[in-house]
Amino acid sequence: MASLKTLICCFHILLSLFMATNLSEAREFVVGGNKKKWEIPSSSDEFNKWAAKIRFQIGDSIVLKYDSKTDSALEVTEENYNNCNKSNPIRSYSDGNTKITLDKSGPFFFISGAEGHCEKGQKLEIKVLSANHSHLQPVTPEPSPADIDHLAPAPAPSTAGSGPKTWWFVTGAAVVGILSSI
């Protein structure tokens, strides 16, 4: 009986470690929404609408795909992003298939290096969450200033019963229950 309890305890520890590792893996995102291309977008805020739907974490990466003969990608400061100023980038990329690892929390700003492209909306702001945030937190849009006076307190978001954490917990609990009944 003692060996069965030891087996169950070891299984529980291994399952917990697997879940923690699996849920904290870095992810890779190809920039460009449905087109998956770093080019002049059909609307000036297309890239930022795409990025706002994603909860970027430290260690995640973005991929920019573009024609290296006619375009490039520049990481810039917020001021240079707002002014489409290409003159002093933090980093410059021109290989046509650029993978950038988001290595710290906070905002990252990218613009096209091609003449006139940034002004036409080929720019991207990414907000990387700090390490204590979860991939599974729900994304809620920020209210516009006109809506703030009319908002009632929202109920706390609930992720109970959905997502990978719940699935692993239920599966683990079922296996532990089966093993303990042996």
N, C-alpha and C. Protein backbone atom coordinates (compact mmCIF):
# COMPACT_ATOMS: atom_id res chain seq x y z
N MET A 1 0.82 -1.20 0.00
CA MET A 1 0.00 0.00 0.00
C MET A 1 0.87 1.27 0.00
N ALA A 2 2.00 1.20 0.72
CA ALA A 2 2.89 2.36 0.77
C ALA A 2 3.47 2.66 -0.60
N SER A 3 3.75 1.63 -1.39
CA SER A 3 4.31 1.87 -2.71
C SER A 3 3.28 2.50 -3.65
N LEU A 4 2.00 2.15 -3.47
CA LEU A 4 0.96 2.76 -4.28
C LEU A 4 0.83 4.24 -3.94
N LYS A 5 0.90 4.59 -2.67
CA LYS A 5 0.84 6.00 -2.26
C LYS A 5 2.05 6.76 -2.81
N THR A 6 3.20 6.12 -2.80
CA THR A 6 4.41 6.75 -3.34
C THR A 6 4.25 6.96 -4.85
N LEU A 7 3.72 5.95 -5.53
CA LEU A 7 3.49 6.05 -6.97
C LEU A 7 2.53 7.19 -7.28
N ILE A 8 1.45 7.29 -6.54
CA ILE A 8 0.46 8.36 -6.75
C ILE A 8 1.10 9.72 -6.50
N CYS A 9 1.87 9.84 -5.45
CA CYS A 9 2.53 11.10 -5.13
C CYS A 9 3.51 11.49 -6.24
N CYS A 10 4.30 10.53 -6.73
CA CYS A 10 5.24 10.81 -7.81
C CYS A 10 4.51 11.21 -9.08
N PHE A 11 3.43 10.50 -9.39
CA PHE A 11 2.64 10.83 -10.58
C PHE A 11 2.10 12.25 -10.49
N HIS A 12 1.60 12.62 -9.32
CA HIS A 12 1.04 13.96 -9.13
C HIS A 12 2.13 15.02 -9.34
N ILE A 13 3.32 14.78 -8.82
CA ILE A 13 4.43 15.73 -8.97
C ILE A 13 4.82 15.85 -10.45
N LEU A 14 4.94 14.72 -11.14
CA LEU A 14 5.29 14.74 -12.56
C LEU A 14 4.23 15.44 -13.39
N LEU A 15 2.97 15.17 -13.10
CA LEU A 15 1.88 15.81 -13.82
C LEU A 15 1.92 17.33 -13.61
N SER A 16 2.16 17.76 -12.39
CA SER A 16 2.24 19.20 -12.08
C SER A 16 3.39 19.85 -12.83
N LEU A 17 4.55 19.18 -12.85
CA LEU A 17 5.70 19.73 -13.57
C LEU A 17 5.43 19.82 -15.06
N PHE A 18 4.81 18.79 -15.63
CA PHE A 18 4.48 18.79 -17.05
C PHE A 18 3.53 19.93 -17.38
N MET A 19 2.51 20.12 -16.54
CA MET A 19 1.54 21.18 -16.78
C MET A 19 2.21 22.54 -16.73
N ALA A 20 3.06 22.77 -15.73
CA ALA A 20 3.73 24.07 -15.60
C ALA A 20 4.64 24.34 -16.79
N THR A 21 5.35 23.33 -17.24
CA THR A 21 6.24 23.49 -18.39
C THR A 21 5.44 23.73 -19.66
N ASN A 22 4.40 22.95 -19.87
CA ASN A 22 3.60 23.03 -21.09
C ASN A 22 2.88 24.36 -21.21
N LEU A 23 2.41 24.92 -20.10
CA LEU A 23 1.65 26.16 -20.16
C LEU A 23 2.54 27.39 -20.25
N SER A 24 3.84 27.24 -20.01
CA SER A 24 4.71 28.41 -20.03
C SER A 24 5.62 28.43 -21.26
N GLU A 25 5.34 27.60 -22.26
CA GLU A 25 6.15 27.59 -23.46
C GLU A 25 6.03 28.92 -24.21
N ALA A 26 7.15 29.33 -24.79
CA ALA A 26 7.13 30.53 -25.62
C ALA A 26 6.38 30.23 -26.91
N ARG A 27 5.73 31.25 -27.43
CA ARG A 27 4.94 31.09 -28.65
C ARG A 27 5.53 31.97 -29.75
N GLU A 28 5.21 31.62 -30.98
CA GLU A 28 5.68 32.38 -32.14
C GLU A 28 4.46 32.87 -32.92
N PHE A 29 4.47 34.16 -33.28
CA PHE A 29 3.36 34.77 -33.99
C PHE A 29 3.87 35.39 -35.29
N VAL A 30 3.21 35.04 -36.40
CA VAL A 30 3.53 35.68 -37.68
C VAL A 30 2.68 36.93 -37.78
N VAL A 31 3.33 38.06 -37.92
CA VAL A 31 2.66 39.36 -37.96
C VAL A 31 1.91 39.52 -39.27
N GLY A 32 0.71 40.04 -39.18
CA GLY A 32 -0.03 40.37 -40.39
C GLY A 32 -1.43 39.82 -40.42
N GLY A 33 -1.90 39.28 -39.31
CA GLY A 33 -3.26 38.79 -39.28
C GLY A 33 -3.48 37.69 -40.31
N ASN A 34 -4.55 37.77 -41.08
CA ASN A 34 -4.89 36.74 -42.06
C ASN A 34 -3.89 36.67 -43.20
N LYS A 35 -3.34 37.83 -43.60
CA LYS A 35 -2.40 37.85 -44.73
C LYS A 35 -1.02 37.35 -44.32
N LYS A 36 -0.68 37.48 -43.05
CA LYS A 36 0.62 37.07 -42.51
C LYS A 36 1.77 37.65 -43.33
N LYS A 37 1.66 38.94 -43.58
CA LYS A 37 2.68 39.61 -44.38
C LYS A 37 2.91 41.00 -43.80
N TRP A 38 4.18 41.39 -43.67
CA TRP A 38 4.57 42.73 -43.22
C TRP A 38 4.61 43.62 -44.46
N GLU A 39 3.50 44.30 -44.71
CA GLU A 39 3.36 45.17 -45.88
C GLU A 39 2.37 46.27 -45.54
N ILE A 40 2.19 47.23 -46.45
CA ILE A 40 1.22 48.30 -46.21
C ILE A 40 -0.15 47.64 -46.01
N PRO A 41 -0.78 47.91 -44.85
CA PRO A 41 -2.07 47.26 -44.57
C PRO A 41 -3.23 47.95 -45.26
N SER A 42 -4.36 47.26 -45.30
CA SER A 42 -5.56 47.83 -45.92
C SER A 42 -6.16 48.93 -45.05
N SER A 43 -5.95 48.89 -43.74
CA SER A 43 -6.36 49.99 -42.85
C SER A 43 -5.18 50.35 -41.96
N SER A 44 -5.08 51.61 -41.58
CA SER A 44 -3.88 52.10 -40.89
C SER A 44 -3.65 51.48 -39.52
N ASP A 45 -4.67 50.90 -38.91
CA ASP A 45 -4.48 50.30 -37.58
C ASP A 45 -4.59 48.78 -37.60
N GLU A 46 -4.50 48.19 -38.77
CA GLU A 46 -4.66 46.74 -38.93
C GLU A 46 -3.68 45.94 -38.06
N PHE A 47 -2.40 46.29 -38.08
CA PHE A 47 -1.41 45.54 -37.31
C PHE A 47 -1.65 45.69 -35.80
N ASN A 48 -2.01 46.89 -35.36
CA ASN A 48 -2.23 47.09 -33.93
C ASN A 48 -3.51 46.42 -33.45
N LYS A 49 -4.53 46.35 -34.30
CA LYS A 49 -5.73 45.59 -33.92
C LYS A 49 -5.39 44.11 -33.76
N TRP A 50 -4.56 43.60 -34.66
CA TRP A 50 -4.11 42.21 -34.57
C TRP A 50 -3.35 41.98 -33.27
N ALA A 51 -2.40 42.86 -32.97
CA ALA A 51 -1.56 42.70 -31.77
C ALA A 51 -2.36 42.85 -30.48
N ALA A 52 -3.39 43.67 -30.49
CA ALA A 52 -4.20 43.90 -29.28
C ALA A 52 -4.97 42.65 -28.86
N LYS A 53 -5.16 41.72 -29.76
CA LYS A 53 -5.89 40.48 -29.45
C LYS A 53 -5.00 39.43 -28.80
N ILE A 54 -3.70 39.68 -28.74
CA ILE A 54 -2.75 38.68 -28.25
C ILE A 54 -2.13 39.13 -26.94
N ARG A 55 -2.00 38.20 -26.02
CA ARG A 55 -1.36 38.47 -24.73
C ARG A 55 0.09 38.02 -24.85
N PHE A 56 0.96 38.91 -25.33
CA PHE A 56 2.36 38.58 -25.52
C PHE A 56 3.05 38.43 -24.17
N GLN A 57 3.91 37.43 -24.05
CA GLN A 57 4.67 37.15 -22.84
C GLN A 57 6.16 37.24 -23.15
N ILE A 58 6.97 37.45 -22.12
CA ILE A 58 8.42 37.43 -22.27
C ILE A 58 8.80 36.07 -22.83
N GLY A 59 9.63 36.06 -23.86
CA GLY A 59 10.07 34.82 -24.49
C GLY A 59 9.31 34.50 -25.77
N ASP A 60 8.12 35.09 -25.95
CA ASP A 60 7.40 34.91 -27.21
C ASP A 60 8.19 35.58 -28.32
N SER A 61 7.88 35.23 -29.55
CA SER A 61 8.56 35.88 -30.66
C SER A 61 7.56 36.23 -31.75
N ILE A 62 7.92 37.23 -32.53
CA ILE A 62 7.12 37.61 -33.69
C ILE A 62 7.96 37.36 -34.94
N VAL A 63 7.28 37.06 -36.03
CA VAL A 63 7.95 36.85 -37.31
C VAL A 63 7.37 37.85 -38.30
N LEU A 64 8.24 38.59 -38.95
CA LEU A 64 7.85 39.55 -39.98
C LEU A 64 8.31 39.00 -41.32
N LYS A 65 7.36 38.78 -42.24
CA LYS A 65 7.68 38.27 -43.58
C LYS A 65 7.44 39.38 -44.60
N TYR A 66 8.47 39.67 -45.40
CA TYR A 66 8.39 40.77 -46.36
C TYR A 66 9.41 40.56 -47.45
N ASP A 67 9.30 41.36 -48.50
CA ASP A 67 10.25 41.31 -49.61
C ASP A 67 11.50 42.08 -49.20
N SER A 68 12.60 41.37 -49.01
CA SER A 68 13.83 42.01 -48.53
C SER A 68 14.46 42.97 -49.55
N LYS A 69 14.02 42.91 -50.79
CA LYS A 69 14.54 43.83 -51.81
C LYS A 69 13.89 45.20 -51.71
N THR A 70 12.67 45.25 -51.17
CA THR A 70 11.94 46.52 -51.17
C THR A 70 11.55 47.01 -49.78
N ASP A 71 11.74 46.21 -48.75
CA ASP A 71 11.26 46.59 -47.42
C ASP A 71 12.22 46.11 -46.35
N SER A 72 11.97 46.56 -45.14
CA SER A 72 12.72 46.12 -43.96
C SER A 72 11.86 46.41 -42.74
N ALA A 73 12.35 46.05 -41.59
CA ALA A 73 11.65 46.32 -40.34
C ALA A 73 12.61 47.00 -39.38
N LEU A 74 12.11 48.01 -38.70
CA LEU A 74 12.93 48.75 -37.74
C LEU A 74 12.26 48.73 -36.38
N GLU A 75 13.03 48.40 -35.35
CA GLU A 75 12.55 48.59 -33.98
C GLU A 75 12.96 49.99 -33.59
N VAL A 76 12.00 50.78 -33.11
CA VAL A 76 12.25 52.18 -32.82
C VAL A 76 11.69 52.57 -31.45
N THR A 77 12.02 53.78 -31.02
CA THR A 77 11.45 54.31 -29.79
C THR A 77 9.99 54.71 -30.03
N GLU A 78 9.26 54.94 -28.96
CA GLU A 78 7.86 55.35 -29.10
C GLU A 78 7.75 56.67 -29.87
N GLU A 79 8.64 57.60 -29.60
CA GLU A 79 8.60 58.89 -30.30
C GLU A 79 8.84 58.70 -31.80
N ASN A 80 9.83 57.89 -32.16
CA ASN A 80 10.09 57.64 -33.58
C ASN A 80 8.96 56.84 -34.22
N TYR A 81 8.32 55.99 -33.47
CA TYR A 81 7.14 55.25 -33.95
C TYR A 81 6.02 56.24 -34.29
N ASN A 82 5.74 57.14 -33.35
CA ASN A 82 4.65 58.11 -33.56
C ASN A 82 4.93 59.06 -34.72
N ASN A 83 6.20 59.36 -34.97
CA ASN A 83 6.58 60.29 -36.04
C ASN A 83 7.05 59.59 -37.31
N CYS A 84 7.02 58.25 -37.34
CA CYS A 84 7.54 57.48 -38.48
C CYS A 84 8.97 57.91 -38.83
N ASN A 85 9.78 58.09 -37.81
CA ASN A 85 11.16 58.52 -37.99
C ASN A 85 12.06 57.28 -38.06
N LYS A 86 12.69 57.07 -39.21
CA LYS A 86 13.54 55.90 -39.44
C LYS A 86 15.01 56.17 -39.18
N SER A 87 15.37 57.40 -38.83
CA SER A 87 16.78 57.79 -38.83
C SER A 87 17.63 57.15 -37.74
N ASN A 88 17.08 56.75 -36.62
CA ASN A 88 17.90 56.22 -35.54
C ASN A 88 17.23 55.00 -34.90
N PRO A 89 17.13 53.88 -35.62
CA PRO A 89 16.44 52.72 -35.05
C PRO A 89 17.24 52.06 -33.93
N ILE A 90 16.51 51.39 -33.05
CA ILE A 90 17.15 50.58 -32.00
C ILE A 90 17.80 49.36 -32.66
N ARG A 91 17.03 48.72 -33.56
CA ARG A 91 17.52 47.57 -34.34
C ARG A 91 16.94 47.68 -35.74
N SER A 92 17.68 47.13 -36.70
CA SER A 92 17.23 47.14 -38.09
C SER A 92 17.30 45.71 -38.62
N TYR A 93 16.26 45.31 -39.35
CA TYR A 93 16.18 43.95 -39.90
C TYR A 93 15.88 44.05 -41.40
N SER A 94 16.53 43.20 -42.20
CA SER A 94 16.30 43.28 -43.65
C SER A 94 16.39 41.93 -44.35
N ASP A 95 16.21 40.84 -43.62
CA ASP A 95 16.38 39.51 -44.23
C ASP A 95 15.13 38.96 -44.90
N GLY A 96 13.98 39.62 -44.73
CA GLY A 96 12.75 39.17 -45.37
C GLY A 96 11.94 38.17 -44.58
N ASN A 97 12.55 37.56 -43.57
CA ASN A 97 11.88 36.60 -42.71
C ASN A 97 12.47 36.76 -41.31
N THR A 98 12.09 37.86 -40.67
CA THR A 98 12.72 38.28 -39.43
C THR A 98 11.98 37.71 -38.22
N LYS A 99 12.72 37.02 -37.36
CA LYS A 99 12.16 36.52 -36.10
C LYS A 99 12.75 37.33 -34.96
N ILE A 100 11.87 37.94 -34.17
CA ILE A 100 12.29 38.81 -33.08
C ILE A 100 11.74 38.24 -31.78
N THR A 101 12.63 37.93 -30.84
CA THR A 101 12.22 37.44 -29.53
C THR A 101 11.92 38.63 -28.63
N LEU A 102 10.76 38.59 -28.00
CA LEU A 102 10.34 39.66 -27.08
C LEU A 102 10.93 39.32 -25.72
N ASP A 103 12.05 39.95 -25.39
CA ASP A 103 12.87 39.53 -24.26
C ASP A 103 12.64 40.30 -22.96
N LYS A 104 11.69 41.22 -22.95
CA LYS A 104 11.40 41.97 -21.72
C LYS A 104 9.94 42.42 -21.75
N SER A 105 9.42 42.77 -20.59
CA SER A 105 8.05 43.27 -20.57
C SER A 105 8.02 44.73 -20.99
N GLY A 106 6.86 45.19 -21.39
CA GLY A 106 6.70 46.57 -21.81
C GLY A 106 6.42 46.66 -23.30
N PRO A 107 6.40 47.88 -23.83
CA PRO A 107 6.07 48.06 -25.24
C PRO A 107 7.27 47.88 -26.16
N PHE A 108 6.99 47.38 -27.35
CA PHE A 108 7.96 47.30 -28.44
C PHE A 108 7.32 48.03 -29.61
N PHE A 109 8.12 48.80 -30.36
CA PHE A 109 7.60 49.58 -31.48
C PHE A 109 8.37 49.23 -32.75
N PHE A 110 7.63 48.92 -33.81
CA PHE A 110 8.23 48.55 -35.09
C PHE A 110 7.60 49.38 -36.21
N ILE A 111 8.44 49.79 -37.16
CA ILE A 111 7.95 50.48 -38.35
C ILE A 111 8.65 49.89 -39.57
N SER A 112 8.06 50.11 -40.73
CA SER A 112 8.69 49.70 -41.98
C SER A 112 9.85 50.63 -42.27
N GLY A 113 10.89 50.06 -42.87
CA GLY A 113 12.03 50.87 -43.28
C GLY A 113 11.88 51.42 -44.69
N ALA A 114 10.83 51.02 -45.40
CA ALA A 114 10.61 51.50 -46.76
C ALA A 114 10.00 52.90 -46.74
N GLU A 115 10.41 53.71 -47.68
CA GLU A 115 9.95 55.10 -47.76
C GLU A 115 8.42 55.17 -47.89
N GLY A 116 7.79 55.91 -46.97
CA GLY A 116 6.35 56.16 -47.01
C GLY A 116 5.47 55.06 -46.46
N HIS A 117 6.02 53.90 -46.17
CA HIS A 117 5.19 52.78 -45.70
C HIS A 117 4.65 53.00 -44.28
N CYS A 118 5.48 53.50 -43.38
CA CYS A 118 5.02 53.76 -42.01
C CYS A 118 3.85 54.75 -42.01
N GLU A 119 3.98 55.78 -42.79
CA GLU A 119 2.93 56.80 -42.87
C GLU A 119 1.61 56.21 -43.38
N LYS A 120 1.68 55.11 -44.10
CA LYS A 120 0.47 54.44 -44.61
C LYS A 120 0.00 53.32 -43.68
N GLY A 121 0.57 53.26 -42.48
CA GLY A 121 0.08 52.31 -41.48
C GLY A 121 0.92 51.07 -41.27
N GLN A 122 2.05 50.95 -41.93
CA GLN A 122 2.89 49.77 -41.74
C GLN A 122 3.76 49.99 -40.52
N LYS A 123 3.12 49.85 -39.37
CA LYS A 123 3.76 50.03 -38.08
C LYS A 123 3.05 49.17 -37.06
N LEU A 124 3.75 48.82 -36.01
CA LEU A 124 3.23 47.85 -35.05
C LEU A 124 3.71 48.18 -33.65
N GLU A 125 2.77 48.20 -32.72
CA GLU A 125 3.10 48.33 -31.30
C GLU A 125 2.69 47.04 -30.61
N ILE A 126 3.64 46.47 -29.88
CA ILE A 126 3.37 45.23 -29.14
C ILE A 126 3.60 45.50 -27.67
N LYS A 127 2.66 45.06 -26.85
CA LYS A 127 2.79 45.19 -25.39
C LYS A 127 3.03 43.81 -24.81
N VAL A 128 4.19 43.65 -24.18
CA VAL A 128 4.56 42.37 -23.59
C VAL A 128 4.26 42.43 -22.10
N LEU A 129 3.51 41.44 -21.63
CA LEU A 129 3.12 41.37 -20.23
C LEU A 129 4.30 40.99 -19.36
N SER A 130 4.23 41.41 -18.10
CA SER A 130 5.28 41.02 -17.17
C SER A 130 5.14 39.53 -16.85
N ALA A 131 6.16 38.97 -16.25
CA ALA A 131 6.22 37.52 -16.00
C ALA A 131 5.09 37.02 -15.10
N ASN A 132 4.48 37.87 -14.29
CA ASN A 132 3.44 37.39 -13.38
C ASN A 132 2.06 37.36 -14.01
N HIS A 133 1.92 37.66 -15.29
CA HIS A 133 0.65 37.54 -15.99
C HIS A 133 0.58 36.19 -16.69
N SER A 134 -0.62 35.74 -16.95
CA SER A 134 -0.82 34.43 -17.56
C SER A 134 -1.26 34.55 -19.01
N HIS A 135 -0.89 33.54 -19.84
CA HIS A 135 -1.37 33.45 -21.22
C HIS A 135 -2.88 33.32 -21.25
N LEU A 136 -3.47 32.79 -20.19
CA LEU A 136 -4.87 32.44 -20.22
C LEU A 136 -5.80 33.55 -19.73
N GLN A 137 -5.24 34.71 -19.36
CA GLN A 137 -6.10 35.80 -18.93
C GLN A 137 -6.91 36.32 -20.10
N PRO A 138 -8.18 36.64 -19.86
CA PRO A 138 -9.00 37.13 -20.97
C PRO A 138 -8.55 38.51 -21.42
N VAL A 139 -8.69 38.78 -22.71
CA VAL A 139 -8.35 40.08 -23.26
C VAL A 139 -9.63 40.91 -23.29
N THR A 140 -9.57 42.11 -22.69
CA THR A 140 -10.72 42.99 -22.71
C THR A 140 -10.28 44.32 -23.31
N PRO A 141 -11.05 44.86 -24.24
CA PRO A 141 -10.66 46.14 -24.84
C PRO A 141 -10.78 47.27 -23.83
N GLU A 142 -9.92 48.27 -23.99
CA GLU A 142 -9.99 49.43 -23.11
C GLU A 142 -11.14 50.32 -23.56
N PRO A 143 -11.90 50.88 -22.60
CA PRO A 143 -13.01 51.74 -22.99
C PRO A 143 -12.50 53.07 -23.53
N SER A 144 -13.29 53.68 -24.41
CA SER A 144 -12.93 55.01 -24.90
C SER A 144 -13.27 56.02 -23.81
N PRO A 145 -12.64 57.20 -23.82
CA PRO A 145 -12.93 58.20 -22.79
C PRO A 145 -14.41 58.55 -22.72
N ALA A 146 -15.13 58.52 -23.84
CA ALA A 146 -16.56 58.84 -23.84
C ALA A 146 -17.37 57.80 -23.09
N ASP A 147 -16.87 56.57 -23.03
CA ASP A 147 -17.62 55.49 -22.37
C ASP A 147 -17.36 55.41 -20.88
N ILE A 148 -16.31 56.01 -20.37
CA ILE A 148 -15.91 55.83 -18.98
C ILE A 148 -17.00 56.26 -18.00
N ASP A 149 -17.70 57.36 -18.26
CA ASP A 149 -18.73 57.84 -17.35
C ASP A 149 -19.93 56.90 -17.29
N HIS A 150 -20.12 56.06 -18.28
CA HIS A 150 -21.31 55.23 -18.38
C HIS A 150 -21.07 53.78 -17.96
N LEU A 151 -19.86 53.47 -17.53
CA LEU A 151 -19.55 52.08 -17.23
C LEU A 151 -19.91 51.71 -15.80
N ALA A 152 -20.56 50.59 -15.66
CA ALA A 152 -20.80 50.02 -14.34
C ALA A 152 -19.67 49.04 -14.08
N PRO A 153 -19.40 48.76 -12.80
CA PRO A 153 -18.33 47.78 -12.53
C PRO A 153 -18.64 46.45 -13.21
N ALA A 154 -17.65 45.91 -13.86
CA ALA A 154 -17.83 44.63 -14.56
C ALA A 154 -17.60 43.48 -13.60
N PRO A 155 -18.29 42.37 -13.81
CA PRO A 155 -18.03 41.22 -12.96
C PRO A 155 -16.64 40.67 -13.24
N ALA A 156 -16.06 40.02 -12.25
CA ALA A 156 -14.73 39.45 -12.41
C ALA A 156 -14.77 38.38 -13.49
N PRO A 157 -13.75 38.37 -14.36
CA PRO A 157 -13.75 37.36 -15.41
C PRO A 157 -13.56 35.97 -14.82
N SER A 158 -14.17 35.00 -15.45
CA SER A 158 -14.06 33.63 -14.98
C SER A 158 -13.56 32.76 -16.11
N THR A 159 -12.53 31.98 -15.80
CA THR A 159 -12.04 31.01 -16.77
C THR A 159 -12.29 29.60 -16.27
N ALA A 160 -13.10 29.48 -15.23
CA ALA A 160 -13.38 28.17 -14.67
C ALA A 160 -14.06 27.29 -15.70
N GLY A 161 -13.61 26.07 -15.77
CA GLY A 161 -14.24 25.11 -16.66
C GLY A 161 -13.80 25.21 -18.11
N SER A 162 -12.80 26.02 -18.39
CA SER A 162 -12.35 26.11 -19.77
C SER A 162 -10.85 26.23 -19.81
N GLY A 163 -10.29 25.89 -20.94
CA GLY A 163 -8.87 26.07 -21.15
C GLY A 163 -8.03 24.87 -20.75
N PRO A 164 -6.72 24.93 -21.10
CA PRO A 164 -5.83 23.80 -20.86
C PRO A 164 -5.63 23.48 -19.39
N LYS A 165 -5.58 24.50 -18.50
CA LYS A 165 -5.36 24.24 -17.08
C LYS A 165 -6.46 23.33 -16.53
N THR A 166 -7.69 23.64 -16.84
CA THR A 166 -8.80 22.85 -16.34
C THR A 166 -8.76 21.44 -16.90
N TRP A 167 -8.46 21.30 -18.17
CA TRP A 167 -8.39 19.98 -18.79
C TRP A 167 -7.35 19.12 -18.11
N TRP A 168 -6.15 19.69 -17.87
CA TRP A 168 -5.10 18.91 -17.22
C TRP A 168 -5.47 18.59 -15.78
N PHE A 169 -6.10 19.51 -15.09
CA PHE A 169 -6.49 19.25 -13.71
C PHE A 169 -7.49 18.11 -13.64
N VAL A 170 -8.52 18.16 -14.49
CA VAL A 170 -9.54 17.12 -14.50
C VAL A 170 -8.93 15.78 -14.88
N THR A 171 -8.07 15.78 -15.90
CA THR A 171 -7.42 14.54 -16.33
C THR A 171 -6.55 13.97 -15.21
N GLY A 172 -5.76 14.84 -14.59
CA GLY A 172 -4.90 14.40 -13.49
C GLY A 172 -5.70 13.87 -12.32
N ALA A 173 -6.78 14.56 -11.98
CA ALA A 173 -7.62 14.12 -10.86
C ALA A 173 -8.24 12.76 -11.17
N ALA A 174 -8.66 12.56 -12.41
CA ALA A 174 -9.27 11.28 -12.80
C ALA A 174 -8.24 10.15 -12.69
N VAL A 175 -7.02 10.39 -13.17
CA VAL A 175 -5.98 9.36 -13.11
C VAL A 175 -5.63 9.04 -11.66
N VAL A 176 -5.47 10.07 -10.83
CA VAL A 176 -5.16 9.87 -9.42
C VAL A 176 -6.30 9.08 -8.76
N GLY A 177 -7.53 9.43 -9.09
CA GLY A 177 -8.69 8.71 -8.53
C GLY A 177 -8.69 7.25 -8.93
N ILE A 178 -8.38 6.97 -10.16
CA ILE A 178 -8.33 5.58 -10.64
C ILE A 178 -7.21 4.81 -9.94
N LEU A 179 -6.02 5.44 -9.85
CA LEU A 179 -4.90 4.76 -9.21
C LEU A 179 -5.15 4.53 -7.73
N SER A 180 -5.81 5.48 -7.06
CA SER A 180 -6.03 5.31 -5.63
C SER A 180 -7.09 4.26 -5.34
N SER A 181 -7.92 3.91 -6.31
CA SER A 181 -8.94 2.89 -6.09
C SER A 181 -8.41 1.49 -6.34
N ILE A 182 -7.19 1.39 -6.83
CA ILE A 182 -6.61 0.06 -7.11
C ILE A 182 -6.19 -0.61 -5.82
